[in-house]
Amino acid sequence: MTNINKLTESQDDNYRSLMESLRKLEIFSHLTEDELNSISKLAYLREFPGGSVIFYHGDPGEAMYYVKDGKVKIVKDDFDGREQILHIMKPGDIFAEVVVFDDGPYPATAEVMEDTVVGVITKERLENHLHEHPTIAIKIMKLMGKRLRKAQSKVADLALRDTYQRTINIIYNLMEEDDCAFCSEKQEIAITATHQELASMAGTSRETVTRVLSTLKKEGIIKTDKGYIAVTDPVKLKDKVIE
């Protein structure tokens, strides 16, 4: 794990910021105030500069993380040595929770995309806590089931769908994560991914993604401008998604 000193916030400020961040996390969203308070006492904050690595694929799994501020990409190299982006984690997202449930290493690399503050909960402390609080453990298991469904869907995308459809589904998923609840009226929704990041997510080339985006632009579904991508007709895009 990268050697970064803990932030020097006061204990009270640290507690308040952790509680606020934890409330937004899907994995803890159904916890009671007391349960949330007990989890917050396990965590501390760490700061990573843009371009640094939190952990590498294959490193011993030591902790789970959540993004308080900034952005982290979870990546893995494919058989040709090309970077495959599995997820882009934004404030409120949790990652590396899988290490809590087995003794294996980190299954991918976590790279910091910009100056970022993450919350850290070590495996040992969380494991002990879940043994003492089985209700919290059950709630986390439900989240893991949801994550497994998403992973199975991603495998289906890569195995059964062509590049065009994979890219459509990825843009839709990014829009769903970033947006408003589904706009029936026309509303522009910016996509927080570059052409290259979309290509890495879809397992294809940047040139292929550019062609797909060009087609969507001609159909009036998106607009692009010097790296900026925005969905201008979310309803029409949704109609193109194949589950």
Protein backbone atom coordinates (compact mmCIF):
# COMPACT_ATOMS: atom_id res chain seq x y z
CA MET A 1 0.00 0.00 0.00
CA THR A 2 1.27 3.45 -0.83
CA ASN A 3 2.80 5.14 2.22
CA ILE A 4 0.74 8.31 2.70
CA ASN A 5 0.37 9.98 6.09
CA LYS A 6 -3.07 10.24 7.63
CA LEU A 7 -4.76 13.61 7.30
CA THR A 8 -4.33 15.94 10.24
CA GLU A 9 -8.00 16.85 10.72
CA SER A 10 -9.22 17.26 14.29
CA GLN A 11 -11.02 14.22 15.67
CA ASP A 12 -14.40 15.98 15.65
CA ASP A 13 -14.04 17.22 12.06
CA ASN A 14 -12.87 13.80 10.95
CA TYR A 15 -15.84 12.13 12.65
CA ARG A 16 -18.36 14.50 11.06
CA SER A 17 -16.92 14.16 7.57
CA LEU A 18 -16.78 10.37 7.83
CA MET A 19 -20.39 10.15 9.01
CA GLU A 20 -21.53 12.38 6.15
CA SER A 21 -19.66 10.27 3.59
CA LEU A 22 -20.80 6.97 5.06
CA ARG A 23 -24.45 8.05 4.92
CA LYS A 24 -24.11 8.40 1.13
CA LEU A 25 -22.61 4.97 0.59
CA GLU A 26 -24.93 2.36 -0.89
CA ILE A 27 -23.34 -0.35 1.22
CA PHE A 28 -24.30 1.48 4.42
CA SER A 29 -27.46 3.21 3.20
CA HIS A 30 -29.87 1.09 5.26
CA LEU A 31 -27.95 1.16 8.52
CA THR A 32 -29.43 2.75 11.60
CA GLU A 33 -27.74 5.79 13.12
CA ASP A 34 -26.17 3.60 15.80
CA GLU A 35 -24.89 1.09 13.23
CA LEU A 36 -23.47 3.89 11.11
CA ASN A 37 -21.79 5.40 14.13
CA SER A 38 -20.15 2.07 14.94
CA ILE A 39 -18.78 1.76 11.38
CA SER A 40 -17.48 5.34 11.36
CA LYS A 41 -15.32 4.57 14.37
CA LEU A 42 -13.44 1.97 12.30
CA ALA A 43 -12.44 4.37 9.53
CA TYR A 44 -9.84 7.06 8.97
CA LEU A 45 -9.05 9.36 6.02
CA ARG A 46 -6.02 9.33 3.75
CA GLU A 47 -5.00 11.72 0.99
CA PHE A 48 -3.54 10.61 -2.37
CA PRO A 49 -2.19 12.93 -5.09
CA GLY A 50 -3.38 12.59 -8.67
CA GLY A 51 -1.53 9.88 -10.58
CA SER A 52 -0.66 7.80 -7.53
CA VAL A 53 -1.70 4.21 -6.88
CA ILE A 54 -3.63 3.16 -3.79
CA PHE A 55 -2.96 -0.53 -4.35
CA TYR A 56 -1.85 -2.79 -7.18
CA HIS A 57 -3.52 -5.88 -8.60
CA GLY A 58 -2.11 -8.81 -6.64
CA ASP A 59 -1.14 -6.85 -3.51
CA PRO A 60 -2.33 -8.44 -0.24
CA GLY A 61 -5.88 -7.32 0.48
CA GLU A 62 -5.62 -5.13 3.57
CA ALA A 63 -8.55 -2.73 3.54
CA MET A 64 -11.72 -1.52 1.88
CA TYR A 65 -12.03 2.09 0.71
CA TYR A 66 -14.57 4.74 -0.13
CA VAL A 67 -14.06 7.97 -2.06
CA LYS A 68 -14.72 11.08 0.02
CA ASP A 69 -13.40 13.59 -2.54
CA GLY A 70 -11.85 13.06 -5.98
CA LYS A 71 -11.91 10.18 -8.42
CA VAL A 72 -10.31 6.70 -8.59
CA LYS A 73 -10.27 4.26 -11.48
CA ILE A 74 -10.22 0.51 -10.92
CA VAL A 75 -8.21 -1.09 -13.73
CA LYS A 76 -6.85 -4.42 -14.87
CA ASP A 77 -4.65 -5.33 -17.83
CA ASP A 78 -6.13 -7.65 -20.45
CA PHE A 79 -4.26 -10.48 -22.18
CA ASP A 80 -2.66 -8.03 -24.63
CA GLY A 81 -1.41 -5.77 -21.82
CA ARG A 82 -3.99 -3.08 -22.52
CA GLU A 83 -5.64 -1.29 -19.62
CA GLN A 84 -9.24 -2.35 -19.00
CA ILE A 85 -11.17 0.11 -16.84
CA LEU A 86 -13.58 -1.82 -14.64
CA HIS A 87 -15.04 1.10 -12.70
CA ILE A 88 -14.57 4.82 -12.16
CA MET A 89 -15.20 5.52 -8.48
CA LYS A 90 -16.53 8.95 -7.49
CA PRO A 91 -17.44 10.51 -4.12
CA GLY A 92 -19.71 8.14 -2.21
CA ASP A 93 -18.47 5.01 -4.02
CA ILE A 94 -16.92 2.11 -2.14
CA PHE A 95 -14.33 -0.28 -3.54
CA ALA A 96 -12.13 -3.27 -2.61
CA GLU A 97 -14.83 -4.55 -0.25
CA VAL A 98 -14.28 -8.02 -1.69
CA VAL A 99 -11.15 -8.42 0.43
CA VAL A 100 -13.37 -8.49 3.52
CA PHE A 101 -14.95 -11.74 2.36
CA ASP A 102 -11.88 -13.78 1.44
CA ASP A 103 -8.15 -13.99 2.11
CA GLY A 104 -7.14 -13.20 -1.45
CA PRO A 105 -5.23 -10.23 -2.90
CA TYR A 106 -6.70 -7.13 -4.49
CA PRO A 107 -8.31 -8.28 -7.77
CA ALA A 108 -7.43 -5.07 -9.65
CA THR A 109 -5.38 -1.86 -9.38
CA ALA A 110 -6.77 1.38 -7.92
CA GLU A 111 -5.29 4.47 -9.61
CA VAL A 112 -6.01 8.01 -8.42
CA MET A 113 -7.25 10.20 -11.30
CA GLU A 114 -6.99 13.53 -9.44
CA ASP A 115 -6.11 14.66 -5.94
CA THR A 116 -8.31 12.43 -3.82
CA VAL A 117 -9.30 11.78 -0.23
CA VAL A 118 -10.35 8.24 0.60
CA GLY A 119 -11.72 6.66 3.73
CA VAL A 120 -9.96 3.47 4.83
CA ILE A 121 -11.45 0.63 6.86
CA THR A 122 -8.98 -2.18 7.42
CA LYS A 123 -10.03 -5.74 6.80
CA GLU A 124 -9.16 -6.89 10.30
CA ARG A 125 -11.18 -4.18 12.05
CA LEU A 126 -14.25 -4.59 9.82
CA GLU A 127 -14.14 -8.39 10.03
CA ASN A 128 -14.12 -8.27 13.82
CA HIS A 129 -16.95 -5.73 13.78
CA LEU A 130 -19.15 -7.85 11.48
CA HIS A 131 -18.69 -10.88 13.76
CA GLU A 132 -20.00 -8.75 16.61
CA HIS A 133 -22.84 -7.19 14.55
CA PRO A 134 -24.45 -9.85 12.28
CA THR A 135 -27.29 -7.52 11.21
CA ILE A 136 -24.76 -5.24 9.52
CA ALA A 137 -23.14 -8.28 7.89
CA ILE A 138 -26.47 -9.33 6.34
CA LYS A 139 -27.05 -5.86 4.90
CA ILE A 140 -23.58 -5.89 3.32
CA MET A 141 -24.23 -9.36 1.85
CA LYS A 142 -27.29 -7.95 0.08
CA LEU A 143 -25.14 -5.27 -1.55
CA MET A 144 -22.65 -7.93 -2.64
CA GLY A 145 -25.49 -9.78 -4.33
CA LYS A 146 -26.37 -6.63 -6.26
CA ARG A 147 -22.73 -6.15 -7.26
CA LEU A 148 -22.60 -9.77 -8.45
CA ARG A 149 -25.59 -9.17 -10.71
CA LYS A 150 -23.81 -6.15 -12.23
CA ALA A 151 -20.66 -8.20 -12.76
CA GLN A 152 -22.62 -10.95 -14.49
CA SER A 153 -24.24 -8.33 -16.72
CA LYS A 154 -20.80 -6.96 -17.64
CA VAL A 155 -19.59 -10.46 -18.57
CA ALA A 156 -22.67 -10.88 -20.77
CA ASP A 157 -21.93 -7.53 -22.41
CA LEU A 158 -18.35 -8.51 -23.27
CA ALA A 159 -19.24 -12.02 -24.42
CA LEU A 160 -22.52 -11.59 -26.26
CA ARG A 161 -22.85 -8.02 -27.47
CA ASP A 162 -21.02 -6.21 -30.21
CA THR A 163 -18.91 -3.11 -29.64
CA TYR A 164 -21.73 -0.74 -30.57
CA GLN A 165 -24.14 -2.23 -28.03
CA ARG A 166 -21.51 -2.45 -25.28
CA THR A 167 -20.70 1.24 -25.73
CA ILE A 168 -24.39 2.17 -25.67
CA ASN A 169 -24.90 0.26 -22.42
CA ILE A 170 -21.82 1.83 -20.81
CA ILE A 171 -22.90 5.38 -21.70
CA TYR A 172 -26.37 4.63 -20.35
CA ASN A 173 -24.95 3.25 -17.08
CA LEU A 174 -22.69 6.27 -16.64
CA MET A 175 -25.64 8.58 -17.27
CA GLU A 176 -27.76 6.67 -14.76
CA GLU A 177 -25.02 7.01 -12.14
CA ASP A 178 -24.39 10.72 -12.74
CA ASP A 179 -27.81 12.06 -13.37
CA CYS A 180 -31.13 13.11 -12.30
CA ALA A 181 -33.62 10.28 -11.92
CA PHE A 182 -34.68 9.81 -15.44
CA CYS A 183 -35.50 12.83 -17.20
CA SER A 184 -38.53 12.62 -19.40
CA GLU A 185 -37.97 16.20 -20.49
CA LYS A 186 -34.95 17.14 -22.56
CA GLN A 187 -32.04 17.69 -20.21
CA GLU A 188 -28.34 17.59 -20.96
CA ILE A 189 -26.43 15.08 -18.82
CA ALA A 190 -22.63 15.22 -18.92
CA ILE A 191 -20.74 11.90 -19.02
CA THR A 192 -17.69 11.82 -16.76
CA ALA A 193 -15.52 9.67 -19.02
CA THR A 194 -13.17 10.37 -21.91
CA HIS A 195 -13.19 8.56 -25.26
CA GLN A 196 -10.24 6.46 -24.09
CA GLU A 197 -11.92 5.57 -20.80
CA LEU A 198 -15.07 4.50 -22.65
CA ALA A 199 -12.92 2.37 -24.95
CA SER A 200 -11.25 0.71 -21.96
CA MET A 201 -14.62 -0.02 -20.37
CA ALA A 202 -15.98 -1.50 -23.61
CA GLY A 203 -12.83 -3.51 -24.34
CA THR A 204 -12.26 -1.87 -27.71
CA SER A 205 -10.24 0.88 -29.39
CA ARG A 206 -10.64 4.62 -29.01
CA GLU A 207 -11.29 4.89 -32.75
CA THR A 208 -14.20 2.45 -32.52
CA VAL A 209 -15.78 4.38 -29.64
CA THR A 210 -15.37 7.61 -31.59
CA ARG A 211 -17.32 6.07 -34.49
CA VAL A 212 -20.11 4.96 -32.14
CA LEU A 213 -20.28 8.43 -30.58
CA SER A 214 -20.41 9.97 -34.04
CA THR A 215 -23.41 7.80 -34.89
CA LEU A 216 -25.19 8.77 -31.68
CA LYS A 217 -24.44 12.43 -32.37
CA LYS A 218 -25.99 12.20 -35.83
CA GLU A 219 -29.10 10.66 -34.26
CA GLY A 220 -29.36 13.61 -31.85
CA ILE A 221 -28.80 11.48 -28.75
CA ILE A 222 -25.52 13.03 -27.60
CA LYS A 223 -23.34 16.02 -28.28
CA THR A 224 -19.55 16.21 -28.12
CA ASP A 225 -17.05 19.03 -28.11
CA LYS A 226 -13.28 18.68 -27.52
CA GLY A 227 -13.54 15.73 -25.15
CA TYR A 228 -16.87 16.82 -23.65
CA ILE A 229 -19.64 14.22 -23.96
CA ALA A 230 -23.23 14.87 -22.93
CA VAL A 231 -26.49 13.00 -23.45
CA THR A 232 -29.10 15.35 -24.89
CA ASP A 233 -31.91 12.80 -25.33
CA PRO A 234 -31.77 10.34 -22.38
CA VAL A 235 -35.09 8.72 -23.25
CA LYS A 236 -33.95 7.87 -26.77
CA LEU A 237 -30.69 6.49 -25.42
CA LYS A 238 -32.57 4.33 -22.93
CA ASP A 239 -34.60 2.87 -25.81
CA LYS A 240 -31.35 1.60 -27.36
CA VAL A 241 -30.21 -0.28 -24.26
CA ILE A 242 -30.41 -4.07 -24.34
CA GLU A 243 -30.58 -5.66 -20.89
